[in-house]
Amino acid sequence: MTTVVGTASVHTTAAACDYLDDADRVVVVTATGEGTTPRDAGDAGNVARTRLPGATVETVRRAGEPAAVVKAVASEHDADRVVVGTRQGDPERAGEPPGSTVQALLAAAERPVVVIPV
């Protein structure tokens, strides 16, 4: 099973790894741009490699609008599902409704989208 994890932080990636403890293949995708630095993207990918030692983990970084980037990568990898956090990985905002990226992914879903709390 191939899972695409859309993330902007180590917190979201860690929560996704807890959910995916039996994953086979994981593609961690970060959309670099507003609010996400290249370092954040790299750190998020490293968390998946460390927390999912039995899985094949690939990281993808692209510039662009996050929902469009995650959707494109999921399509390119023929993902079975997409896993995203509710709000940019900020634990302080955990009780808030899902953000615009999650809403856009759910509205245009072509495969299952799992929204995990951070």
PDB file of N, CA and C in Angstrom:
ATOM      1  N   MET A   1       0.836  -1.177   0.000  1.00  0.00           N
ATOM      2  CA  MET A   1       0.000   0.000   0.000  1.00  0.00           C
ATOM      3  C   MET A   1       0.879   1.238   0.000  1.00  0.00           C
ATOM      4  N   THR A   2       0.562   2.171  -0.865  1.00  0.00           N
ATOM      5  CA  THR A   2       1.303   3.430  -0.946  1.00  0.00           C
ATOM      6  C   THR A   2       0.483   4.537  -0.292  1.00  0.00           C
ATOM      7  N   THR A   3       1.117   5.236   0.629  1.00  0.00           N
ATOM      8  CA  THR A   3       0.477   6.336   1.338  1.00  0.00           C
ATOM      9  C   THR A   3       1.258   7.608   1.085  1.00  0.00           C
ATOM     10  N   VAL A   4       0.569   8.665   0.724  1.00  0.00           N
ATOM     11  CA  VAL A   4       1.181   9.984   0.614  1.00  0.00           C
ATOM     12  C   VAL A   4       0.834  10.757   1.881  1.00  0.00           C
ATOM     13  N   VAL A   5       1.861  11.276   2.543  1.00  0.00           N
ATOM     14  CA  VAL A   5       1.675  12.096   3.736  1.00  0.00           C
ATOM     15  C   VAL A   5       1.975  13.538   3.361  1.00  0.00           C
ATOM     16  N   GLY A   6       0.961  14.375   3.405  1.00  0.00           N
ATOM     17  CA  GLY A   6       1.139  15.801   3.169  1.00  0.00           C
ATOM     18  C   GLY A   6       1.452  16.462   4.493  1.00  0.00           C
ATOM     19  N   THR A   7       2.588  17.128   4.576  1.00  0.00           N
ATOM     20  CA  THR A   7       3.016  17.672   5.868  1.00  0.00           C
ATOM     21  C   THR A   7       3.748  18.995   5.704  1.00  0.00           C
ATOM     22  N   ALA A   8       3.686  19.788   6.757  1.00  0.00           N
ATOM     23  CA  ALA A   8       4.440  21.033   6.794  1.00  0.00           C
ATOM     24  C   ALA A   8       5.270  21.103   8.072  1.00  0.00           C
ATOM     25  N   SER A   9       5.246  20.010   8.858  1.00  0.00           N
ATOM     26  CA  SER A   9       5.964  20.064  10.128  1.00  0.00           C
ATOM     27  C   SER A   9       6.324  18.673  10.628  1.00  0.00           C
ATOM     28  N   VAL A  10       7.253  18.650  11.574  1.00  0.00           N
ATOM     29  CA  VAL A  10       7.616  17.386  12.200  1.00  0.00           C
ATOM     30  C   VAL A  10       6.468  16.851  13.041  1.00  0.00           C
ATOM     31  N   HIS A  11       5.632  17.740  13.595  1.00  0.00           N
ATOM     32  CA  HIS A  11       4.497  17.305  14.415  1.00  0.00           C
ATOM     33  C   HIS A  11       3.492  16.514  13.585  1.00  0.00           C
ATOM     34  N   THR A  12       3.175  17.024  12.402  1.00  0.00           N
ATOM     35  CA  THR A  12       2.241  16.316  11.528  1.00  0.00           C
ATOM     36  C   THR A  12       2.841  14.989  11.087  1.00  0.00           C
ATOM     37  N   THR A  13       4.110  14.991  10.720  1.00  0.00           N
ATOM     38  CA  THR A  13       4.751  13.757  10.280  1.00  0.00           C
ATOM     39  C   THR A  13       4.768  12.722  11.400  1.00  0.00           C
ATOM     40  N   ALA A  14       5.077  13.135  12.616  1.00  0.00           N
ATOM     41  CA  ALA A  14       5.097  12.206  13.749  1.00  0.00           C
ATOM     42  C   ALA A  14       3.712  11.607  13.987  1.00  0.00           C
ATOM     43  N   ALA A  15       2.674  12.433  13.931  1.00  0.00           N
ATOM     44  CA  ALA A  15       1.311  11.933  14.125  1.00  0.00           C
ATOM     45  C   ALA A  15       0.935  10.963  13.004  1.00  0.00           C
ATOM     46  N   ALA A  16       1.342  11.268  11.784  1.00  0.00           N
ATOM     47  CA  ALA A  16       1.068  10.376  10.654  1.00  0.00           C
ATOM     48  C   ALA A  16       1.786   9.046  10.847  1.00  0.00           C
ATOM     49  N   CYS A  17       3.022   9.079  11.325  1.00  0.00           N
ATOM     50  CA  CYS A  17       3.785   7.848  11.550  1.00  0.00           C
ATOM     51  C   CYS A  17       3.122   6.984  12.616  1.00  0.00           C
ATOM     52  N   ASP A  18       2.566   7.602  13.647  1.00  0.00           N
ATOM     53  CA  ASP A  18       1.844   6.836  14.662  1.00  0.00           C
ATOM     54  C   ASP A  18       0.664   6.116  14.027  1.00  0.00           C
ATOM     55  N   TYR A  19      -0.011   6.775  13.113  1.00  0.00           N
ATOM     56  CA  TYR A  19      -1.146   6.179  12.403  1.00  0.00           C
ATOM     57  C   TYR A  19      -0.688   5.086  11.436  1.00  0.00           C
ATOM     58  N   LEU A  20       0.478   5.287  10.822  1.00  0.00           N
ATOM     59  CA  LEU A  20       0.969   4.390   9.769  1.00  0.00           C
ATOM     60  C   LEU A  20       1.996   3.378  10.259  1.00  0.00           C
ATOM     61  N   ASP A  21       1.877   2.907  11.455  1.00  0.00           N
ATOM     62  CA  ASP A  21       2.919   2.041  11.997  1.00  0.00           C
ATOM     63  C   ASP A  21       3.119   0.738  11.225  1.00  0.00           C
ATOM     64  N   ASP A  22       2.205   0.397  10.322  1.00  0.00           N
ATOM     65  CA  ASP A  22       2.357  -0.819   9.523  1.00  0.00           C
ATOM     66  C   ASP A  22       2.499  -0.517   8.028  1.00  0.00           C
ATOM     67  N   ALA A  23       2.933   0.684   7.708  1.00  0.00           N
ATOM     68  CA  ALA A  23       3.001   1.129   6.311  1.00  0.00           C
ATOM     69  C   ALA A  23       4.079   0.392   5.530  1.00  0.00           C
ATOM     70  N   ASP A  24       3.803   0.187   4.221  1.00  0.00           N
ATOM     71  CA  ASP A  24       4.765  -0.428   3.305  1.00  0.00           C
ATOM     72  C   ASP A  24       5.614   0.632   2.612  1.00  0.00           C
ATOM     73  N   ARG A  25       4.924   1.566   1.978  1.00  0.00           N
ATOM     74  CA  ARG A  25       5.582   2.603   1.187  1.00  0.00           C
ATOM     75  C   ARG A  25       4.944   3.939   1.514  1.00  0.00           C
ATOM     76  N   VAL A  26       5.770   4.902   1.887  1.00  0.00           N
ATOM     77  CA  VAL A  26       5.275   6.216   2.284  1.00  0.00           C
ATOM     78  C   VAL A  26       6.014   7.278   1.478  1.00  0.00           C
ATOM     79  N   VAL A  27       5.246   8.179   0.891  1.00  0.00           N
ATOM     80  CA  VAL A  27       5.812   9.314   0.191  1.00  0.00           C
ATOM     81  C   VAL A  27       5.449  10.551   1.008  1.00  0.00           C
ATOM     82  N   VAL A  28       6.456  11.179   1.603  1.00  0.00           N
ATOM     83  CA  VAL A  28       6.246  12.370   2.416  1.00  0.00           C
ATOM     84  C   VAL A  28       6.413  13.577   1.498  1.00  0.00           C
ATOM     85  N   VAL A  29       5.357  14.362   1.378  1.00  0.00           N
ATOM     86  CA  VAL A  29       5.404  15.498   0.466  1.00  0.00           C
ATOM     87  C   VAL A  29       5.198  16.804   1.228  1.00  0.00           C
ATOM     88  N   THR A  30       6.065  17.763   0.934  1.00  0.00           N
ATOM     89  CA  THR A  30       5.939  19.099   1.498  1.00  0.00           C
ATOM     90  C   THR A  30       5.912  20.108   0.363  1.00  0.00           C
ATOM     91  N   ALA A  31       5.019  21.051   0.514  1.00  0.00           N
ATOM     92  CA  ALA A  31       4.939  22.147  -0.458  1.00  0.00           C
ATOM     93  C   ALA A  31       5.678  23.322   0.147  1.00  0.00           C
ATOM     94  N   THR A  32       6.846  23.625  -0.390  1.00  0.00           N
ATOM     95  CA  THR A  32       7.610  24.749   0.145  1.00  0.00           C
ATOM     96  C   THR A  32       7.054  26.028  -0.438  1.00  0.00           C
ATOM     97  N   GLY A  33       6.922  26.970   0.399  1.00  0.00           N
ATOM     98  CA  GLY A  33       6.347  28.251   0.004  1.00  0.00           C
ATOM     99  C   GLY A  33       5.985  29.001   1.260  1.00  0.00           C
ATOM    100  N   GLU A  34       4.881  29.680   1.225  1.00  0.00           N
ATOM    101  CA  GLU A  34       4.450  30.490   2.354  1.00  0.00           C
ATOM    102  C   GLU A  34       4.310  29.638   3.614  1.00  0.00           C
ATOM    103  N   GLY A  35       5.076  29.962   4.648  1.00  0.00           N
ATOM    104  CA  GLY A  35       4.958  29.290   5.931  1.00  0.00           C
ATOM    105  C   GLY A  35       5.782  28.023   6.089  1.00  0.00           C
ATOM    106  N   THR A  36       6.404  27.527   5.031  1.00  0.00           N
ATOM    107  CA  THR A  36       7.201  26.309   5.133  1.00  0.00           C
ATOM    108  C   THR A  36       8.577  26.570   4.550  1.00  0.00           C
ATOM    109  N   THR A  37       9.592  26.339   5.363  1.00  0.00           N
ATOM    110  CA  THR A  37      10.960  26.544   4.896  1.00  0.00           C
ATOM    111  C   THR A  37      11.517  25.217   4.382  1.00  0.00           C
ATOM    112  N   PRO A  38      12.556  25.264   3.559  1.00  0.00           N
ATOM    113  CA  PRO A  38      13.189  24.017   3.119  1.00  0.00           C
ATOM    114  C   PRO A  38      13.665  23.157   4.287  1.00  0.00           C
ATOM    115  N   ARG A  39      14.105  23.788   5.370  1.00  0.00           N
ATOM    116  CA  ARG A  39      14.539  23.011   6.539  1.00  0.00           C
ATOM    117  C   ARG A  39      13.360  22.261   7.144  1.00  0.00           C
ATOM    118  N   ASP A  40      12.193  22.938   7.282  1.00  0.00           N
ATOM    119  CA  ASP A  40      10.999  22.261   7.801  1.00  0.00           C
ATOM    120  C   ASP A  40      10.692  21.031   6.959  1.00  0.00           C
ATOM    121  N   ALA A  41      10.777  21.184   5.656  1.00  0.00           N
ATOM    122  CA  ALA A  41      10.472  20.088   4.734  1.00  0.00           C
ATOM    123  C   ALA A  41      11.444  18.932   4.939  1.00  0.00           C
ATOM    124  N   GLY A  42      12.715  19.238   5.052  1.00  0.00           N
ATOM    125  CA  GLY A  42      13.719  18.197   5.261  1.00  0.00           C
ATOM    126  C   GLY A  42      13.542  17.485   6.592  1.00  0.00           C
ATOM    127  N   ASP A  43      13.278  18.250   7.638  1.00  0.00           N
ATOM    128  CA  ASP A  43      13.070  17.662   8.958  1.00  0.00           C
ATOM    129  C   ASP A  43      11.844  16.751   8.967  1.00  0.00           C
ATOM    130  N   ALA A  44      10.789  17.170   8.288  1.00  0.00           N
ATOM    131  CA  ALA A  44       9.566  16.356   8.234  1.00  0.00           C
ATOM    132  C   ALA A  44       9.841  15.007   7.571  1.00  0.00           C
ATOM    133  N   GLY A  45      10.630  14.994   6.524  1.00  0.00           N
ATOM    134  CA  GLY A  45      10.992  13.745   5.859  1.00  0.00           C
ATOM    135  C   GLY A  45      11.866  12.862   6.729  1.00  0.00           C
ATOM    136  N   ASN A  46      12.777  13.463   7.458  1.00  0.00           N
ATOM    137  CA  ASN A  46      13.657  12.691   8.332  1.00  0.00           C
ATOM    138  C   ASN A  46      12.883  11.994   9.449  1.00  0.00           C
ATOM    139  N   VAL A  47      11.852  12.639   9.955  1.00  0.00           N
ATOM    140  CA  VAL A  47      11.033  12.031  11.006  1.00  0.00           C
ATOM    141  C   VAL A  47      10.424  10.736  10.491  1.00  0.00           C
ATOM    142  N   ALA A  48       9.911  10.727   9.282  1.00  0.00           N
ATOM    143  CA  ALA A  48       9.287   9.523   8.722  1.00  0.00           C
ATOM    144  C   ALA A  48      10.311   8.399   8.579  1.00  0.00           C
ATOM    145  N   ARG A  49      11.492   8.711   8.127  1.00  0.00           N
ATOM    146  CA  ARG A  49      12.523   7.675   7.975  1.00  0.00           C
ATOM    147  C   ARG A  49      12.873   7.042   9.322  1.00  0.00           C
ATOM    148  N   THR A  50      12.920   7.867  10.346  1.00  0.00           N
ATOM    149  CA  THR A  50      13.272   7.392  11.677  1.00  0.00           C
ATOM    150  C   THR A  50      12.139   6.605  12.321  1.00  0.00           C
ATOM    151  N   ARG A  51      10.905   7.081  12.154  1.00  0.00           N
ATOM    152  CA  ARG A  51       9.767   6.473  12.852  1.00  0.00           C
ATOM    153  C   ARG A  51       9.133   5.307  12.118  1.00  0.00           C
ATOM    154  N   LEU A  52       9.472   5.128  10.837  1.00  0.00           N
ATOM    155  CA  LEU A  52       8.915   4.016  10.052  1.00  0.00           C
ATOM    156  C   LEU A  52      10.046   3.171   9.466  1.00  0.00           C
ATOM    157  N   PRO A  53      10.838   2.535  10.315  1.00  0.00           N
ATOM    158  CA  PRO A  53      12.012   1.805   9.819  1.00  0.00           C
ATOM    159  C   PRO A  53      11.690   0.634   8.893  1.00  0.00           C
ATOM    160  N   GLY A  54      10.489   0.080   8.981  1.00  0.00           N
ATOM    161  CA  GLY A  54      10.131  -1.043   8.134  1.00  0.00           C
ATOM    162  C   GLY A  54       9.536  -0.649   6.798  1.00  0.00           C
ATOM    163  N   ALA A  55       9.355   0.639   6.588  1.00  0.00           N
ATOM    164  CA  ALA A  55       8.725   1.118   5.357  1.00  0.00           C
ATOM    165  C   ALA A  55       9.754   1.719   4.405  1.00  0.00           C
ATOM    166  N   THR A  56       9.409   1.703   3.137  1.00  0.00           N
ATOM    167  CA  THR A  56      10.178   2.446   2.151  1.00  0.00           C
ATOM    168  C   THR A  56       9.659   3.872   2.203  1.00  0.00           C
ATOM    169  N   VAL A  57      10.535   4.825   2.491  1.00  0.00           N
ATOM    170  CA  VAL A  57      10.131   6.223   2.644  1.00  0.00           C
ATOM    171  C   VAL A  57      10.823   7.067   1.589  1.00  0.00           C
ATOM    172  N   GLU A  58      10.032   7.836   0.865  1.00  0.00           N
ATOM    173  CA  GLU A  58      10.538   8.772  -0.137  1.00  0.00           C
ATOM    174  C   GLU A  58      10.057  10.161   0.259  1.00  0.00           C
ATOM    175  N   THR A  59      10.872  11.157   0.004  1.00  0.00           N
ATOM    176  CA  THR A  59      10.447  12.526   0.278  1.00  0.00           C
ATOM    177  C   THR A  59      10.389  13.317  -1.027  1.00  0.00           C
ATOM    178  N   VAL A  60       9.398  14.172  -1.098  1.00  0.00           N
ATOM    179  CA  VAL A  60       9.207  15.030  -2.264  1.00  0.00           C
ATOM    180  C   VAL A  60       8.977  16.440  -1.752  1.00  0.00           C
ATOM    181  N   ARG A  61       9.736  17.389  -2.288  1.00  0.00           N
ATOM    182  CA  ARG A  61       9.546  18.808  -1.956  1.00  0.00           C
ATOM    183  C   ARG A  61       9.262  19.559  -3.240  1.00  0.00           C
ATOM    184  N   ARG A  62       8.202  20.328  -3.221  1.00  0.00           N
ATOM    185  CA  ARG A  62       7.856  21.134  -4.399  1.00  0.00           C
ATOM    186  C   ARG A  62       7.335  22.491  -3.977  1.00  0.00           C
ATOM    187  N   ALA A  63       7.560  23.455  -4.823  1.00  0.00           N
ATOM    188  CA  ALA A  63       6.972  24.762  -4.607  1.00  0.00           C
ATOM    189  C   ALA A  63       5.539  24.719  -5.123  1.00  0.00           C
ATOM    190  N   GLY A  64       4.671  25.416  -4.450  1.00  0.00           N
ATOM    191  CA  GLY A  64       3.298  25.493  -4.924  1.00  0.00           C
ATOM    192  C   GLY A  64       2.288  25.474  -3.805  1.00  0.00           C
ATOM    193  N   GLU A  65       1.039  25.575  -4.199  1.00  0.00           N
ATOM    194  CA  GLU A  65      -0.077  25.553  -3.252  1.00  0.00           C
ATOM    195  C   GLU A  65      -0.176  24.141  -2.680  1.00  0.00           C
ATOM    196  N   PRO A  66      -0.183  23.996  -1.346  1.00  0.00           N
ATOM    197  CA  PRO A  66      -0.078  22.674  -0.728  1.00  0.00           C
ATOM    198  C   PRO A  66      -1.092  21.632  -1.206  1.00  0.00           C
ATOM    199  N   ALA A  67      -2.359  21.962  -1.284  1.00  0.00           N
ATOM    200  CA  ALA A  67      -3.354  20.963  -1.700  1.00  0.00           C
ATOM    201  C   ALA A  67      -3.079  20.476  -3.116  1.00  0.00           C
ATOM    202  N   ALA A  68      -2.726  21.374  -4.004  1.00  0.00           N
ATOM    203  CA  ALA A  68      -2.438  20.991  -5.395  1.00  0.00           C
ATOM    204  C   ALA A  68      -1.192  20.117  -5.470  1.00  0.00           C
ATOM    205  N   VAL A  69      -0.178  20.441  -4.676  1.00  0.00           N
ATOM    206  CA  VAL A  69       1.056  19.652  -4.667  1.00  0.00           C
ATOM    207  C   VAL A  69       0.774  18.251  -4.137  1.00  0.00           C
ATOM    208  N   VAL A  70       0.066  18.136  -3.021  1.00  0.00           N
ATOM    209  CA  VAL A  70      -0.235  16.824  -2.440  1.00  0.00           C
ATOM    210  C   VAL A  70      -1.075  15.997  -3.409  1.00  0.00           C
ATOM    211  N   LYS A  71      -2.066  16.622  -4.005  1.00  0.00           N
ATOM    212  CA  LYS A  71      -2.927  15.910  -4.957  1.00  0.00           C
ATOM    213  C   LYS A  71      -2.115  15.404  -6.157  1.00  0.00           C
ATOM    214  N   ALA A  72      -1.237  16.230  -6.683  1.00  0.00           N
ATOM    215  CA  ALA A  72      -0.421  15.836  -7.837  1.00  0.00           C
ATOM    216  C   ALA A  72       0.514  14.680  -7.488  1.00  0.00           C
ATOM    217  N   VAL A  73       1.166  14.747  -6.344  1.00  0.00           N
ATOM    218  CA  VAL A  73       2.084  13.687  -5.939  1.00  0.00           C
ATOM    219  C   VAL A  73       1.316  12.387  -5.692  1.00  0.00           C
ATOM    220  N   ALA A  74       0.154  12.470  -5.086  1.00  0.00           N
ATOM    221  CA  ALA A  74      -0.664  11.270  -4.866  1.00  0.00           C
ATOM    222  C   ALA A  74      -1.039  10.620  -6.189  1.00  0.00           C
ATOM    223  N   SER A  75      -1.367  11.426  -7.177  1.00  0.00           N
ATOM    224  CA  SER A  75      -1.708  10.910  -8.496  1.00  0.00           C
ATOM    225  C   SER A  75      -0.487  10.276  -9.169  1.00  0.00           C
ATOM    226  N   GLU A  76       0.648  10.959  -9.123  1.00  0.00           N
ATOM    227  CA  GLU A  76       1.875  10.461  -9.744  1.00  0.00           C
ATOM    228  C   GLU A  76       2.322   9.120  -9.155  1.00  0.00           C
ATOM    229  N   HIS A  77       2.093   8.923  -7.869  1.00  0.00           N
ATOM    230  CA  HIS A  77       2.522   7.698  -7.190  1.00  0.00           C
ATOM    231  C   HIS A  77       1.386   6.685  -7.068  1.00  0.00           C
ATOM    232  N   ASP A  78       0.253   6.991  -7.670  1.00  0.00           N
ATOM    233  CA  ASP A  78      -0.927   6.123  -7.609  1.00  0.00           C
ATOM    234  C   ASP A  78      -1.181   5.687  -6.164  1.00  0.00           C
ATOM    235  N   ALA A  79      -1.216   6.663  -5.275  1.00  0.00           N
ATOM    236  CA  ALA A  79      -1.372   6.400  -3.847  1.00  0.00           C
ATOM    237  C   ALA A  79      -2.722   5.767  -3.534  1.00  0.00           C
ATOM    238  N   ASP A  80      -2.697   4.899  -2.546  1.00  0.00           N
ATOM    239  CA  ASP A  80      -3.931   4.281  -2.072  1.00  0.00           C
ATOM    240  C   ASP A  80      -4.690   5.207  -1.133  1.00  0.00           C
ATOM    241  N   ARG A  81      -3.950   6.104  -0.481  1.00  0.00           N
ATOM    242  CA  ARG A  81      -4.574   7.061   0.437  1.00  0.00           C
ATOM    243  C   ARG A  81      -3.629   8.231   0.659  1.00  0.00           C
ATOM    244  N   VAL A  82      -4.227   9.306   1.172  1.00  0.00           N
ATOM    245  CA  VAL A  82      -3.483  10.507   1.541  1.00  0.00           C
ATOM    246  C   VAL A  82      -3.723  10.738   3.027  1.00  0.00           C
ATOM    247  N   VAL A  83      -2.670  11.044   3.753  1.00  0.00           N
ATOM    248  CA  VAL A  83      -2.785  11.345   5.177  1.00  0.00           C
ATOM    249  C   VAL A  83      -2.288  12.764   5.400  1.00  0.00           C
ATOM    250  N   VAL A  84      -3.100  13.572   6.073  1.00  0.00           N
ATOM    251  CA  VAL A  84      -2.739  14.955   6.373  1.00  0.00           C
ATOM    252  C   VAL A  84      -3.159  15.290   7.804  1.00  0.00           C
ATOM    253  N   GLY A  85      -2.505  16.287   8.371  1.00  0.00           N
ATOM    254  CA  GLY A  85      -2.892  16.795   9.686  1.00  0.00           C
ATOM    255  C   GLY A  85      -3.946  17.873   9.529  1.00  0.00           C
ATOM    256  N   THR A  86      -4.571  18.222  10.612  1.00  0.00           N
ATOM    257  CA  THR A  86      -5.674  19.183  10.542  1.00  0.00           C
ATOM    258  C   THR A  86      -5.235  20.615  10.257  1.00  0.00           C
ATOM    259  N   ARG A  87      -4.100  21.029  10.817  1.00  0.00           N
ATOM    260  CA  ARG A  87      -3.680  22.427  10.694  1.00  0.00           C
ATOM    261  C   ARG A  87      -2.181  22.586  10.800  1.00  0.00           C
ATOM    262  N   GLN A  88      -1.464  22.552   9.748  1.00  0.00           N
ATOM    263  CA  GLN A  88      -0.024  22.844   9.673  1.00  0.00           C
ATOM    264  C   GLN A  88       0.805  22.322  10.830  1.00  0.00           C
ATOM    265  N   GLY A  89       0.368  21.288  11.497  1.00  0.00           N
ATOM    266  CA  GLY A  89       1.170  20.673  12.541  1.00  0.00           C
ATOM    267  C   GLY A  89       1.339  21.475  13.798  1.00  0.00           C
ATOM    268  N   ASP A  90       0.494  22.470  14.023  1.00  0.00           N
ATOM    269  CA  ASP A  90       0.615  23.304  15.204  1.00  0.00           C
ATOM    270  C   ASP A  90      -0.247  22.736  16.330  1.00  0.00           C
ATOM    271  N   PRO A  91       0.361  22.096  17.339  1.00  0.00           N
ATOM    272  CA  PRO A  91      -0.416  21.510  18.421  1.00  0.00           C
ATOM    273  C   PRO A  91      -1.287  22.525  19.158  1.00  0.00           C
ATOM    274  N   GLU A  92      -0.896  23.784  19.138  1.00  0.00           N
ATOM    275  CA  GLU A  92      -1.675  24.836  19.800  1.00  0.00           C
ATOM    276  C   GLU A  92      -3.035  25.051  19.120  1.00  0.00           C
ATOM    277  N   ARG A  93      -3.141  24.639  17.858  1.00  0.00           N
ATOM    278  CA  ARG A  93      -4.378  24.867  17.103  1.00  0.00           C
ATOM    279  C   ARG A  93      -5.163  23.567  16.897  1.00  0.00           C
ATOM    280  N   ALA A  94      -4.846  22.553  17.700  1.00  0.00           N
ATOM    281  CA  ALA A  94      -5.424  21.222  17.513  1.00  0.00           C
ATOM    282  C   ALA A  94      -6.943  21.190  17.583  1.00  0.00           C
ATOM    283  N   GLY A  95      -7.562  22.048  18.363  1.00  0.00           N
ATOM    284  CA  GLY A  95      -9.015  22.026  18.502  1.00  0.00           C
ATOM    285  C   GLY A  95      -9.762  22.777  17.413  1.00  0.00           C
ATOM    286  N   GLU A  96      -9.037  23.456  16.554  1.00  0.00           N
ATOM    287  CA  GLU A  96      -9.677  24.242  15.503  1.00  0.00           C
ATOM    288  C   GLU A  96     -10.134  23.351  14.348  1.00  0.00           C
ATOM    289  N   PRO A  97     -11.086  23.826  13.559  1.00  0.00           N
ATOM    290  CA  PRO A  97     -11.524  23.042  12.392  1.00  0.00           C
ATOM    291  C   PRO A  97     -10.374  22.888  11.390  1.00  0.00           C
ATOM    292  N   PRO A  98     -10.478  21.905  10.501  1.00  0.00           N
ATOM    293  CA  PRO A  98      -9.425  21.704   9.496  1.00  0.00           C
ATOM    294  C   PRO A  98      -9.162  22.972   8.682  1.00  0.00           C
ATOM    295  N   GLY A  99      -7.900  23.120   8.291  1.00  0.00           N
ATOM    296  CA  GLY A  99      -7.491  24.280   7.516  1.00  0.00           C
ATOM    297  C   GLY A  99      -7.849  24.175   6.041  1.00  0.00           C
ATOM    298  N   SER A 100      -7.457  25.176   5.287  1.00  0.00           N
ATOM    299  CA  SER A 100      -7.828  25.265   3.868  1.00  0.00           C
ATOM    300  C   SER A 100      -7.225  24.146   3.021  1.00  0.00           C
ATOM    301  N   THR A 101      -6.032  23.676   3.359  1.00  0.00           N
ATOM    302  CA  THR A 101      -5.426  22.577   2.593  1.00  0.00           C
ATOM    303  C   THR A 101      -6.255  21.311   2.747  1.00  0.00           C
ATOM    304  N   VAL A 102      -6.622  20.983   3.968  1.00  0.00           N
ATOM    305  CA  VAL A 102      -7.442  19.793   4.216  1.00  0.00           C
ATOM    306  C   VAL A 102      -8.788  19.925   3.519  1.00  0.00           C
ATOM    307  N   GLN A 103      -9.406  21.079   3.637  1.00  0.00           N
ATOM    308  CA  GLN A 103     -10.707  21.295   3.001  1.00  0.00           C
ATOM    309  C   GLN A 103     -10.613  21.117   1.485  1.00  0.00           C
ATOM    310  N   ALA A 104      -9.566  21.650   0.885  1.00  0.00           N
ATOM    311  CA  ALA A 104      -9.398  21.528  -0.570  1.00  0.00           C
ATOM    312  C   ALA A 104      -9.159  20.071  -0.977  1.00  0.00           C
ATOM    313  N   LEU A 105      -8.368  19.342  -0.197  1.00  0.00           N
ATOM    314  CA  LEU A 105      -8.121  17.928  -0.513  1.00  0.00           C
ATOM    315  C   LEU A 105      -9.397  17.101  -0.391  1.00  0.00           C
ATOM    316  N   LEU A 106     -10.175  17.363   0.637  1.00  0.00           N
ATOM    317  CA  LEU A 106     -11.427  16.627   0.813  1.00  0.00           C
ATOM    318  C   LEU A 106     -12.421  16.948  -0.297  1.00  0.00           C
ATOM    319  N   ALA A 107     -12.472  18.201  -0.700  1.00  0.00           N
ATOM    320  CA  ALA A 107     -13.422  18.603  -1.739  1.00  0.00           C
ATOM    321  C   ALA A 107     -13.101  17.984  -3.093  1.00  0.00           C
ATOM    322  N   ALA A 108     -11.826  17.746  -3.352  1.00  0.00           N
ATOM    323  CA  ALA A 108     -11.412  17.229  -4.664  1.00  0.00           C
ATOM    324  C   ALA A 108     -10.860  15.804  -4.570  1.00  0.00           C
ATOM    325  N   ALA A 109     -11.249  15.072  -3.530  1.00  0.00           N
ATOM    326  CA  ALA A 109     -10.666  13.753  -3.275  1.00  0.00           C
ATOM    327  C   ALA A 109     -10.926  12.762  -4.399  1.00  0.00           C
ATOM    328  N   GLU A 110      -9.852  12.157  -4.862  1.00  0.00           N
ATOM    329  CA  GLU A 110      -9.932  11.081  -5.859  1.00  0.00           C
ATOM    330  C   GLU A 110      -9.537   9.751  -5.225  1.00  0.00           C
ATOM    331  N   ARG A 111      -9.168   9.787  -3.948  1.00  0.00           N
ATOM    332  CA  ARG A 111      -8.761   8.620  -3.172  1.00  0.00           C
ATOM    333  C   ARG A 111      -9.045   8.946  -1.718  1.00  0.00           C
ATOM    334  N   PRO A 112      -9.022   7.984  -0.819  1.00  0.00           N
ATOM    335  CA  PRO A 112      -9.297   8.278   0.587  1.00  0.00           C
ATOM    336  C   PRO A 112      -8.311   9.298   1.167  1.00  0.00           C
ATOM    337  N   VAL A 113      -8.851  10.216   1.947  1.00  0.00           N
ATOM    338  CA  VAL A 113      -8.045  11.205   2.645  1.00  0.00           C
ATOM    339  C   VAL A 113      -8.283  10.991   4.138  1.00  0.00           C
ATOM    340  N   VAL A 114      -7.206  10.716   4.883  1.00  0.00           N
ATOM    341  CA  VAL A 114      -7.282  10.517   6.307  1.00  0.00           C
ATOM    342  C   VAL A 114      -6.757  11.784   6.974  1.00  0.00           C
ATOM    343  N   VAL A 115      -7.579  12.377   7.834  1.00  0.00           N
ATOM    344  CA  VAL A 115      -7.185  13.591   8.543  1.00  0.00           C
ATOM    345  C   VAL A 115      -6.891  13.188   9.985  1.00  0.00           C
ATOM    346  N   ILE A 116      -5.650  13.410  10.399  1.00  0.00           N
ATOM    347  CA  ILE A 116      -5.225  12.985  11.735  1.00  0.00           C
ATOM    348  C   ILE A 116      -5.066  14.193  12.649  1.00  0.00           C
ATOM    349  N   PRO A 117      -5.398  14.015  13.914  1.00  0.00           N
ATOM    350  CA  PRO A 117      -5.119  15.095  14.862  1.00  0.00           C
ATOM    351  C   PRO A 117      -3.627  15.153  15.145  1.00  0.00           C
ATOM    352  N   VAL A 118      -3.141  16.328  15.439  1.00  0.00           N
ATOM    353  CA  VAL A 118      -1.716  16.489  15.732  1.00  0.00           C
ATOM    354  C   VAL A 118      -1.532  16.520  17.235  1.00  0.00           C
TER     355      VAL A 118
END
